[in-house]
Amino acid sequence: MDWITAGLCMFAFTAPSACVGVPFSVGQTGTVLAPLVCLVVTFASSLGAYVLHDLALKFDCSSLPELGQALGGHKGRIFGGTIQLGNFLLYMPVATLVCAQALQGALDPKGNWFSGCIDYWILIVSLVCLATTQLRSLSNATALSFVSLGCVVWVVFTLIYIVWKNPLTEEEKNDTLHFGNPDMGSSSDSLKGWTNFALGVSTTAWAFVPSFLAVELSNKKVMESPRDFPKAIVLVAILNIIVYCGVGVYVTNQWGYDIEEPVMRFHAFPGDDIKSRILNLFWFLACLISYALDSVPLVASCQRTWAPNFDVDNDWSFTGIFVYFLISLPSYFSSIVMALFVPSLFCMLAIVTALTVPWVNLIYPAYLHNRNAKHEGKNKIESSNAKLLGDEEGGALGEDLLVGGGGGSTNDDEGIELSRMAVLFVLFMGVFLFLICALAAIGKLGIQELRGPMVVGCNGWIILDVD
């Protein structure tokens, strides 16, 4: 694939959820502060993705755990694999639920079928989700990336049109603030307001996660020219900012700050209107592709572990298809089990966000950069010692200085210092977002109004029902 398709793959990974979630984020964070936070987080995440891309090219790696192995040994591999593949595994049931909600909103918005129970819709969409896990490689998702972009564009413009055609009166609308939300200053709702503020900031973290696929995309197995990958990062960053600021600010200005996530759950949203049903249908398609992009690297990792000699690219025989199908089943079944039996998937998502997104996007790239800097520093010292002893063809250290070897040291130091400052910024943002996301997850779990009902099962087979 080319760099445009690579950028669309990264965009399709989270854009379907982001485009209907950013109104909540902007409403709770503030119409001025939210775009500023989005710009800063997007910039930091782009730097983190670029660091991974640069290191992946240098060490010729095609997966994040493999890059961790190259720079951090066995511990680096476990670290990278846990935070990346752990996110993929735990996000899959959430993606399944979102696909089910979207399909229900398209076909049965009033909940007349299956007594309105979402679990049956999860089982229906799971069969389609299973088919998408057989793509084997992100390079096979080229066409799907363009389809996802088209679906997201349709969802965005339809959403804006619906909001425009269904205005709220001044009495119905709770006006937004430029910084924060009104509940933060309320004596009775301040805890909820601050938690929603943290949840709004955390949305900017999970809505733009280029580092999750940076190494998997920017290699010769997937891209024609991996060195063009920075262009893909810029493309997806621009698309993220446009969606976040355009959709979020407009919707909150029209409907107020207290919009739910996703926006289709907000009381002003005309759920049974034909335009809303079409929007949900395209949202379902976009979310399905997002599920595929999430599952492909996870199943590919299972294949590399369980069947390393399997010819992924060329073995499309009946036996090969069946073998890969079997490899995909454990992660698929785990997602279905969690989607059906975890009492509150969105609470789990808040925890997963805190434990993985800032780490993969920001902290892990800074860690790998530091490991690489130490590696290069050690090599430089060994090289200098060799020259001092006259062991290399280039001669001794004195000869190196005579030909100007030390003349560029100032500029080199300045470049290294600038690089260190950028990486320190990435690390700082990673730690900051981790703390914010952790506070948001704790608040969502602890406040019943935000946590919502915790239900497992449907009418006739309720296993757990905690209001």
Protein backbone atom coordinates (compact mmCIF):
# COMPACT_ATOMS: atom_id res chain seq x y z
CA MET A 1 0.00 0.00 0.00
CA ASP A 2 1.01 3.64 -0.41
CA TRP A 3 1.25 6.25 2.36
CA ILE A 4 -2.30 7.53 1.74
CA THR A 5 -3.77 4.08 2.30
CA ALA A 6 -1.58 3.60 5.37
CA GLY A 7 -2.92 6.86 6.78
CA LEU A 8 -6.50 5.79 6.09
CA CYS A 9 -5.84 2.47 7.87
CA MET A 10 -4.80 4.35 11.00
CA PHE A 11 -7.77 6.71 10.63
CA ALA A 12 -10.21 3.80 10.19
CA PHE A 13 -8.85 2.19 13.37
CA THR A 14 -10.55 4.66 15.73
CA ALA A 15 -12.44 7.24 13.61
CA PRO A 16 -15.82 5.39 13.67
CA SER A 17 -15.98 5.57 17.46
CA ALA A 18 -14.38 9.00 17.63
CA CYS A 19 -16.74 10.76 15.22
CA VAL A 20 -19.76 10.00 17.44
CA GLY A 21 -17.85 10.43 20.72
CA VAL A 22 -16.14 13.80 20.30
CA PRO A 23 -19.29 15.89 21.02
CA PHE A 24 -19.23 14.45 24.54
CA SER A 25 -15.51 15.20 24.82
CA VAL A 26 -15.85 18.81 23.66
CA GLY A 27 -18.93 19.39 25.82
CA GLN A 28 -17.22 18.16 28.96
CA THR A 29 -13.81 19.74 28.29
CA GLY A 30 -14.86 23.10 26.84
CA THR A 31 -15.24 24.48 23.32
CA VAL A 32 -11.91 26.32 23.54
CA LEU A 33 -9.90 23.99 25.76
CA ALA A 34 -10.94 20.78 23.96
CA PRO A 35 -9.51 21.76 20.54
CA LEU A 36 -6.30 22.94 22.26
CA VAL A 37 -5.98 19.62 24.08
CA CYS A 38 -6.68 17.80 20.82
CA LEU A 39 -3.90 19.70 19.05
CA VAL A 40 -1.34 19.01 21.80
CA VAL A 41 -2.23 15.32 22.16
CA THR A 42 -2.30 14.83 18.39
CA PHE A 43 1.13 16.43 18.06
CA ALA A 44 2.62 14.32 20.87
CA SER A 45 1.06 11.11 19.54
CA SER A 46 2.38 11.90 16.05
CA LEU A 47 5.88 12.28 17.48
CA GLY A 48 5.52 8.95 19.26
CA ALA A 49 4.43 7.24 16.05
CA TYR A 50 7.33 8.80 14.16
CA VAL A 51 9.80 7.50 16.77
CA LEU A 52 8.45 3.96 16.32
CA HIS A 53 8.54 4.28 12.53
CA ASP A 54 12.14 5.49 12.57
CA LEU A 55 13.27 2.68 14.87
CA ALA A 56 11.30 0.07 12.91
CA LEU A 57 13.13 1.07 9.72
CA LYS A 58 16.48 1.04 11.47
CA PHE A 59 16.04 -2.42 12.99
CA ASP A 60 13.88 -3.85 10.15
CA CYS A 61 10.98 -4.85 12.41
CA SER A 62 7.36 -5.50 11.36
CA SER A 63 5.62 -5.67 14.75
CA LEU A 64 5.80 -3.72 17.99
CA PRO A 65 6.83 -6.70 20.16
CA GLU A 66 9.57 -7.50 17.63
CA LEU A 67 10.87 -3.93 17.92
CA GLY A 68 10.76 -4.25 21.70
CA GLN A 69 12.86 -7.43 21.40
CA ALA A 70 15.43 -5.64 19.23
CA LEU A 71 15.91 -2.78 21.70
CA GLY A 72 14.86 -4.11 25.09
CA GLY A 73 15.42 -7.84 24.83
CA HIS A 74 12.88 -10.28 26.22
CA LYS A 75 11.51 -7.73 28.71
CA GLY A 76 11.05 -5.17 25.94
CA ARG A 77 9.13 -7.72 23.86
CA ILE A 78 6.82 -8.63 26.75
CA PHE A 79 6.29 -4.95 27.59
CA GLY A 80 5.36 -4.04 24.02
CA GLY A 81 3.26 -7.13 23.41
CA THR A 82 1.30 -6.73 26.62
CA ILE A 83 0.27 -3.12 26.10
CA GLN A 84 -0.42 -3.43 22.36
CA LEU A 85 -1.99 -6.88 22.06
CA GLY A 86 -3.69 -6.47 25.43
CA ASN A 87 -5.45 -3.40 24.05
CA PHE A 88 -6.45 -5.25 20.87
CA LEU A 89 -7.80 -8.20 22.82
CA LEU A 90 -9.78 -6.12 25.31
CA TYR A 91 -11.07 -3.64 22.74
CA MET A 92 -12.52 -6.37 20.48
CA PRO A 93 -15.59 -7.01 22.71
CA VAL A 94 -16.22 -3.25 22.87
CA ALA A 95 -16.00 -3.08 19.07
CA THR A 96 -18.43 -5.99 18.85
CA LEU A 97 -20.86 -4.19 21.16
CA VAL A 98 -20.58 -0.95 19.18
CA CYS A 99 -21.25 -2.83 15.92
CA ALA A 100 -24.30 -4.43 17.55
CA GLN A 101 -25.62 -1.07 18.78
CA ALA A 102 -25.14 0.45 15.33
CA LEU A 103 -26.93 -2.40 13.56
CA GLN A 104 -29.78 -2.29 16.07
CA GLY A 105 -30.04 1.48 15.58
CA ALA A 106 -30.27 0.94 11.81
CA LEU A 107 -32.79 -1.92 11.78
CA ASP A 108 -34.68 -1.71 15.07
CA PRO A 109 -34.17 1.70 16.74
CA LYS A 110 -37.23 1.29 18.99
CA GLY A 111 -36.02 -2.07 20.33
CA ASN A 112 -39.07 -4.11 19.29
CA TRP A 113 -37.06 -7.17 18.26
CA PHE A 114 -35.51 -9.59 20.77
CA SER A 115 -37.16 -7.56 23.58
CA GLY A 116 -34.62 -4.85 22.85
CA CYS A 117 -31.78 -6.98 24.27
CA ILE A 118 -28.42 -6.09 22.74
CA ASP A 119 -26.95 -9.54 23.41
CA TYR A 120 -28.81 -11.08 20.48
CA TRP A 121 -27.48 -8.37 18.20
CA ILE A 122 -23.97 -9.12 19.48
CA LEU A 123 -24.39 -12.74 18.41
CA ILE A 124 -25.66 -11.65 14.98
CA VAL A 125 -22.83 -9.24 14.21
CA SER A 126 -20.24 -11.62 15.65
CA LEU A 127 -20.60 -13.88 12.62
CA VAL A 128 -19.74 -10.98 10.31
CA CYS A 129 -16.90 -9.95 12.63
CA LEU A 130 -15.44 -13.46 12.43
CA ALA A 131 -15.21 -13.17 8.64
CA THR A 132 -13.21 -9.95 8.90
CA THR A 133 -10.54 -11.61 11.07
CA GLN A 134 -9.49 -13.73 8.07
CA LEU A 135 -7.85 -10.80 6.25
CA ARG A 136 -4.46 -12.02 7.57
CA SER A 137 -2.56 -8.79 6.85
CA LEU A 138 -3.19 -5.06 6.99
CA SER A 139 -2.11 -4.91 3.35
CA ASN A 140 -5.31 -6.80 2.51
CA ALA A 141 -7.38 -4.04 4.12
CA THR A 142 -6.58 -1.44 1.45
CA ALA A 143 -10.05 -1.36 -0.10
CA LEU A 144 -11.70 -1.52 3.33
CA SER A 145 -9.79 1.58 4.43
CA PHE A 146 -11.33 3.61 1.63
CA VAL A 147 -14.76 2.16 2.41
CA SER A 148 -14.29 3.16 6.05
CA LEU A 149 -13.31 6.68 5.05
CA GLY A 150 -16.45 6.97 2.93
CA CYS A 151 -18.60 5.68 5.80
CA VAL A 152 -17.05 8.08 8.31
CA VAL A 153 -17.55 11.03 5.94
CA TRP A 154 -21.19 10.00 5.48
CA VAL A 155 -21.67 9.65 9.25
CA VAL A 156 -20.10 13.07 9.92
CA PHE A 157 -22.18 14.96 7.36
CA THR A 158 -25.37 13.10 8.27
CA LEU A 159 -24.79 13.81 11.94
CA ILE A 160 -24.23 17.51 11.27
CA TYR A 161 -27.37 17.59 9.10
CA ILE A 162 -29.47 15.88 11.78
CA VAL A 163 -28.25 18.31 14.44
CA TRP A 164 -28.95 21.24 12.13
CA LYS A 165 -32.50 20.02 11.38
CA ASN A 166 -33.28 19.28 15.05
CA PRO A 167 -32.30 22.40 17.02
CA LEU A 168 -32.98 22.71 20.73
CA THR A 169 -34.61 25.74 22.25
CA GLU A 170 -32.66 27.88 24.70
CA GLU A 171 -34.71 26.36 27.53
CA GLU A 172 -33.84 22.81 26.45
CA LYS A 173 -30.14 23.42 25.80
CA ASN A 174 -27.52 23.56 28.55
CA ASP A 175 -24.90 25.93 27.18
CA THR A 176 -21.29 24.87 26.93
CA LEU A 177 -18.35 26.62 28.54
CA HIS A 178 -15.10 27.63 26.89
CA PHE A 179 -13.12 25.81 29.59
CA GLY A 180 -14.51 22.79 31.42
CA ASN A 181 -18.19 22.01 32.03
CA PRO A 182 -20.82 23.63 34.30
CA ASP A 183 -20.98 20.63 36.65
CA MET A 184 -17.39 21.20 37.75
CA GLY A 185 -18.45 24.34 39.63
CA SER A 186 -21.59 22.82 41.14
CA SER A 187 -21.54 21.94 44.81
CA SER A 188 -23.62 18.80 44.27
CA ASP A 189 -22.27 17.61 40.91
CA SER A 190 -18.63 18.68 41.07
CA LEU A 191 -17.27 15.12 41.35
CA LYS A 192 -19.29 14.03 38.33
CA GLY A 193 -18.24 17.18 36.47
CA TRP A 194 -14.52 16.64 37.11
CA THR A 195 -14.81 12.95 36.20
CA ASN A 196 -16.55 13.83 32.94
CA PHE A 197 -13.83 16.41 32.31
CA ALA A 198 -11.20 13.67 32.71
CA LEU A 199 -13.23 11.35 30.48
CA GLY A 200 -13.43 14.12 27.88
CA VAL A 201 -9.65 14.55 27.92
CA SER A 202 -9.14 10.77 27.72
CA THR A 203 -11.23 10.75 24.53
CA THR A 204 -8.51 12.81 22.84
CA ALA A 205 -6.07 10.02 23.74
CA TRP A 206 -7.99 7.01 22.39
CA ALA A 207 -9.42 8.89 19.39
CA PHE A 208 -5.92 9.18 17.87
CA VAL A 209 -3.65 6.17 18.30
CA PRO A 210 -1.23 6.00 15.33
CA SER A 211 1.44 4.15 17.33
CA PHE A 212 -0.74 1.06 17.63
CA LEU A 213 -0.23 0.32 13.93
CA ALA A 214 2.92 2.34 13.17
CA VAL A 215 5.38 -0.56 13.14
CA GLU A 216 2.88 -2.98 11.58
CA LEU A 217 2.34 -0.59 8.64
CA SER A 218 5.72 1.06 8.08
CA ASN A 219 7.61 -1.96 6.80
CA LYS A 220 8.37 -3.49 3.40
CA LYS A 221 5.85 -6.29 3.88
CA VAL A 222 2.97 -3.80 3.87
CA MET A 223 4.10 -0.51 2.27
CA GLU A 224 5.72 0.05 -1.09
CA SER A 225 7.91 2.79 0.40
CA PRO A 226 8.04 2.65 4.21
CA ARG A 227 10.05 5.89 4.31
CA ASP A 228 6.88 7.73 3.20
CA PHE A 229 5.11 6.72 6.42
CA PRO A 230 5.60 10.16 8.09
CA LYS A 231 3.29 11.56 5.39
CA ALA A 232 0.65 9.07 6.55
CA ILE A 233 1.07 10.30 10.14
CA VAL A 234 0.52 13.90 9.03
CA LEU A 235 -2.54 12.90 6.97
CA VAL A 236 -4.25 11.04 9.79
CA ALA A 237 -3.38 13.81 12.27
CA ILE A 238 -5.07 16.40 10.05
CA LEU A 239 -8.15 14.19 9.60
CA ASN A 240 -8.34 13.64 13.36
CA ILE A 241 -8.20 17.37 14.10
CA ILE A 242 -10.85 18.14 11.47
CA VAL A 243 -13.27 15.54 12.84
CA TYR A 244 -12.64 16.39 16.48
CA CYS A 245 -12.94 20.15 16.16
CA GLY A 246 -15.52 20.27 13.37
CA VAL A 247 -18.01 17.72 14.71
CA GLY A 248 -17.43 18.28 18.42
CA VAL A 249 -17.64 22.06 18.51
CA TYR A 250 -20.60 22.28 16.13
CA VAL A 251 -22.74 19.66 17.88
CA THR A 252 -22.12 21.02 21.38
CA ASN A 253 -22.85 24.58 20.26
CA GLN A 254 -26.20 23.35 18.90
CA TRP A 255 -27.22 20.87 21.60
CA GLY A 256 -25.32 21.97 24.69
CA TYR A 257 -22.59 20.40 26.80
CA ASP A 258 -24.39 17.38 28.30
CA ILE A 259 -24.34 15.14 25.21
CA GLU A 260 -23.99 11.44 25.79
CA GLU A 261 -21.43 9.16 24.20
CA PRO A 262 -22.18 8.05 21.53
CA VAL A 263 -24.21 11.04 20.42
CA MET A 264 -27.04 8.77 19.18
CA ARG A 265 -27.98 8.11 22.80
CA PHE A 266 -28.69 11.80 23.44
CA HIS A 267 -32.36 12.64 24.10
CA ALA A 268 -32.54 15.10 21.18
CA PHE A 269 -31.37 12.53 18.64
CA PRO A 270 -34.30 11.33 16.46
CA GLY A 271 -33.46 7.63 16.66
CA ASP A 272 -36.32 6.30 14.51
CA ASP A 273 -35.92 8.89 11.74
CA ILE A 274 -34.85 7.42 8.39
CA LYS A 275 -31.76 9.68 8.29
CA SER A 276 -30.72 8.43 11.72
CA ARG A 277 -31.20 4.82 10.67
CA ILE A 278 -29.06 5.34 7.57
CA LEU A 279 -26.41 7.02 9.73
CA ASN A 280 -26.40 3.98 12.03
CA LEU A 281 -26.05 1.66 9.03
CA PHE A 282 -22.94 3.47 7.79
CA TRP A 283 -21.64 3.65 11.36
CA PHE A 284 -22.04 -0.13 11.56
CA LEU A 285 -19.96 -0.60 8.39
CA ALA A 286 -17.25 1.76 9.66
CA CYS A 287 -17.16 0.05 13.07
CA LEU A 288 -16.97 -3.36 11.41
CA ILE A 289 -13.86 -2.28 9.51
CA SER A 290 -12.45 -0.87 12.75
CA TYR A 291 -13.01 -4.30 14.33
CA ALA A 292 -11.16 -5.91 11.42
CA LEU A 293 -8.16 -3.59 11.77
CA ASP A 294 -8.11 -4.39 15.49
CA SER A 295 -8.32 -8.15 15.05
CA VAL A 296 -5.87 -8.61 12.16
CA PRO A 297 -2.66 -7.76 14.12
CA LEU A 298 -3.89 -9.80 17.09
CA VAL A 299 -4.59 -12.93 15.04
CA ALA A 300 -1.34 -12.41 13.11
CA SER A 301 0.54 -12.38 16.43
CA CYS A 302 -1.16 -15.64 17.41
CA GLN A 303 -0.13 -17.12 14.05
CA ARG A 304 3.52 -16.11 14.53
CA THR A 305 3.48 -17.75 17.97
CA TRP A 306 1.50 -20.93 17.28
CA ALA A 307 2.29 -21.57 13.61
CA PRO A 308 5.46 -19.66 12.72
CA ASN A 309 6.04 -21.71 9.56
CA PHE A 310 2.58 -21.05 8.15
CA ASP A 311 2.75 -19.24 4.78
CA VAL A 312 0.40 -16.35 5.53
CA ASP A 313 0.85 -14.58 2.21
CA ASN A 314 0.53 -17.48 -0.21
CA ASP A 315 -1.28 -20.42 1.40
CA TRP A 316 -4.92 -19.83 0.45
CA SER A 317 -5.69 -23.51 -0.02
CA PHE A 318 -8.68 -25.02 1.77
CA THR A 319 -6.34 -26.45 4.41
CA GLY A 320 -4.55 -23.11 4.81
CA ILE A 321 -7.83 -21.22 5.20
CA PHE A 322 -9.03 -23.74 7.77
CA VAL A 323 -5.77 -23.56 9.74
CA TYR A 324 -5.88 -19.77 9.89
CA PHE A 325 -9.56 -19.97 10.86
CA LEU A 326 -8.63 -22.16 13.82
CA ILE A 327 -5.86 -19.74 14.81
CA SER A 328 -8.37 -16.86 14.88
CA LEU A 329 -10.93 -18.64 17.05
CA PRO A 330 -9.42 -18.13 20.54
CA SER A 331 -9.33 -14.32 20.28
CA TYR A 332 -12.74 -14.29 18.58
CA PHE A 333 -14.43 -16.41 21.25
CA SER A 334 -12.80 -14.41 24.05
CA SER A 335 -14.28 -11.22 22.59
CA ILE A 336 -17.76 -12.76 22.38
CA VAL A 337 -17.59 -14.09 25.93
CA MET A 338 -16.49 -10.69 27.26
CA ALA A 339 -19.10 -8.86 25.19
CA LEU A 340 -21.84 -11.03 26.70
CA PHE A 341 -20.65 -11.47 30.28
CA VAL A 342 -18.68 -8.34 31.28
CA PRO A 343 -21.27 -6.25 33.20
CA SER A 344 -20.10 -2.86 31.88
CA LEU A 345 -17.93 -2.91 28.77
CA PHE A 346 -17.53 0.87 28.69
CA CYS A 347 -16.15 0.83 32.23
CA MET A 348 -13.72 -1.84 31.07
CA LEU A 349 -12.86 0.37 28.09
CA ALA A 350 -12.00 3.24 30.43
CA ILE A 351 -9.61 0.95 32.32
CA VAL A 352 -8.10 -0.44 29.10
CA THR A 353 -7.58 3.10 27.82
CA ALA A 354 -5.64 4.08 30.93
CA LEU A 355 -3.50 0.95 30.97
CA THR A 356 -2.62 0.81 27.28
CA VAL A 357 -3.30 3.91 25.14
CA PRO A 358 -0.88 6.42 26.75
CA TRP A 359 1.68 3.63 27.07
CA VAL A 360 1.67 2.49 23.43
CA ASN A 361 1.19 5.95 21.98
CA LEU A 362 3.68 7.87 24.09
CA ILE A 363 5.51 6.13 26.95
CA TYR A 364 6.69 3.05 25.04
CA PRO A 365 8.12 5.06 22.11
CA ALA A 366 10.04 7.21 24.62
CA TYR A 367 11.30 4.03 26.33
CA LEU A 368 12.48 2.53 23.04
CA HIS A 369 14.12 5.81 22.00
CA ASN A 370 16.02 5.86 25.28
CA ARG A 371 17.13 2.26 24.77
CA ASN A 372 18.33 3.12 21.27
CA ALA A 373 20.20 6.21 22.52
CA LYS A 374 22.02 4.07 25.10
CA HIS A 375 22.81 1.50 22.42
CA GLU A 376 24.23 4.15 20.07
CA GLY A 377 26.16 5.80 22.90
CA LYS A 378 27.77 2.49 23.80
CA ASN A 379 28.68 1.86 20.17
CA LYS A 380 30.13 5.36 19.86
CA ILE A 381 32.33 4.84 22.92
CA GLU A 382 33.52 1.47 21.61
CA SER A 383 34.24 3.00 18.21
CA SER A 384 36.20 5.87 19.79
CA ASN A 385 38.23 3.47 21.89
CA ALA A 386 39.01 1.42 18.78
CA LYS A 387 40.17 4.51 16.91
CA LEU A 388 42.27 5.65 19.86
CA LEU A 389 44.06 2.31 19.78
CA GLY A 390 44.35 2.45 15.98
CA ASP A 391 42.33 -0.75 15.56
CA GLU A 392 40.09 0.51 12.75
CA GLU A 393 40.87 1.27 9.15
CA GLY A 394 40.09 4.93 9.68
CA GLY A 395 43.14 5.34 11.90
CA ALA A 396 43.55 6.65 15.42
CA LEU A 397 41.54 9.36 17.18
CA GLY A 398 44.10 11.99 16.27
CA GLU A 399 43.68 11.24 12.57
CA ASP A 400 39.90 11.55 12.94
CA LEU A 401 40.27 15.05 14.42
CA LEU A 402 42.70 16.11 11.71
CA VAL A 403 40.19 15.33 8.94
CA GLY A 404 37.48 17.29 10.67
CA GLY A 405 35.83 14.48 12.62
CA GLY A 406 35.24 16.74 15.61
CA GLY A 407 34.30 19.83 13.67
CA GLY A 408 30.60 18.99 13.50
CA SER A 409 30.22 18.00 17.11
CA THR A 410 28.37 21.16 18.14
CA ASN A 411 25.70 20.76 15.50
CA ASP A 412 25.36 17.07 16.27
CA ASP A 413 24.91 17.85 19.96
CA GLU A 414 22.26 20.45 19.16
CA GLY A 415 20.39 17.90 17.04
CA ILE A 416 20.59 15.30 19.81
CA GLU A 417 19.43 17.85 22.37
CA LEU A 418 16.41 18.83 20.25
CA SER A 419 15.58 15.17 19.81
CA ARG A 420 15.80 14.59 23.53
CA MET A 421 13.50 17.53 24.21
CA ALA A 422 10.93 16.14 21.79
CA VAL A 423 11.10 12.70 23.38
CA LEU A 424 10.85 14.19 26.87
CA PHE A 425 7.72 16.01 25.71
CA VAL A 426 6.29 12.71 24.44
CA LEU A 427 7.12 11.00 27.75
CA PHE A 428 5.61 13.85 29.78
CA MET A 429 2.40 13.73 27.76
CA GLY A 430 2.26 9.96 28.19
CA VAL A 431 2.52 10.16 31.98
CA PHE A 432 0.06 13.07 32.09
CA LEU A 433 -2.54 11.27 29.96
CA PHE A 434 -2.09 8.06 31.92
CA LEU A 435 -2.92 9.89 35.16
CA ILE A 436 -5.92 11.63 33.56
CA CYS A 437 -7.21 8.38 32.05
CA ALA A 438 -6.71 6.54 35.34
CA LEU A 439 -8.69 9.17 37.25
CA ALA A 440 -11.40 9.02 34.59
CA ALA A 441 -11.62 5.22 34.87
CA ILE A 442 -11.81 5.33 38.67
CA GLY A 443 -14.52 8.00 38.55
CA LYS A 444 -16.56 6.12 35.95
CA LEU A 445 -16.41 2.96 38.05
CA GLY A 446 -17.18 4.74 41.30
CA ILE A 447 -20.03 7.06 40.29
CA GLN A 448 -23.22 5.10 39.65
CA GLU A 449 -24.69 7.75 37.35
CA LEU A 450 -21.69 7.47 35.04
CA ARG A 451 -21.25 3.73 35.42
CA GLY A 452 -24.86 3.02 34.53
CA PRO A 453 -26.62 -0.29 35.14
CA MET A 454 -24.45 -3.39 35.20
CA VAL A 455 -26.40 -6.13 33.46
CA VAL A 456 -25.51 -9.60 32.24
CA GLY A 457 -28.19 -11.45 30.31
CA CYS A 458 -31.60 -10.66 28.83
CA ASN A 459 -35.20 -11.08 29.93
CA GLY A 460 -35.62 -14.70 30.90
CA TRP A 461 -31.97 -15.36 31.63
CA ILE A 462 -30.73 -12.43 33.74
CA ILE A 463 -27.49 -13.41 35.46
CA LEU A 464 -26.61 -10.02 36.98
CA ASP A 465 -28.60 -6.80 37.26
CA VAL A 466 -27.14 -4.02 39.40
CA ASP A 467 -28.72 -0.58 38.99
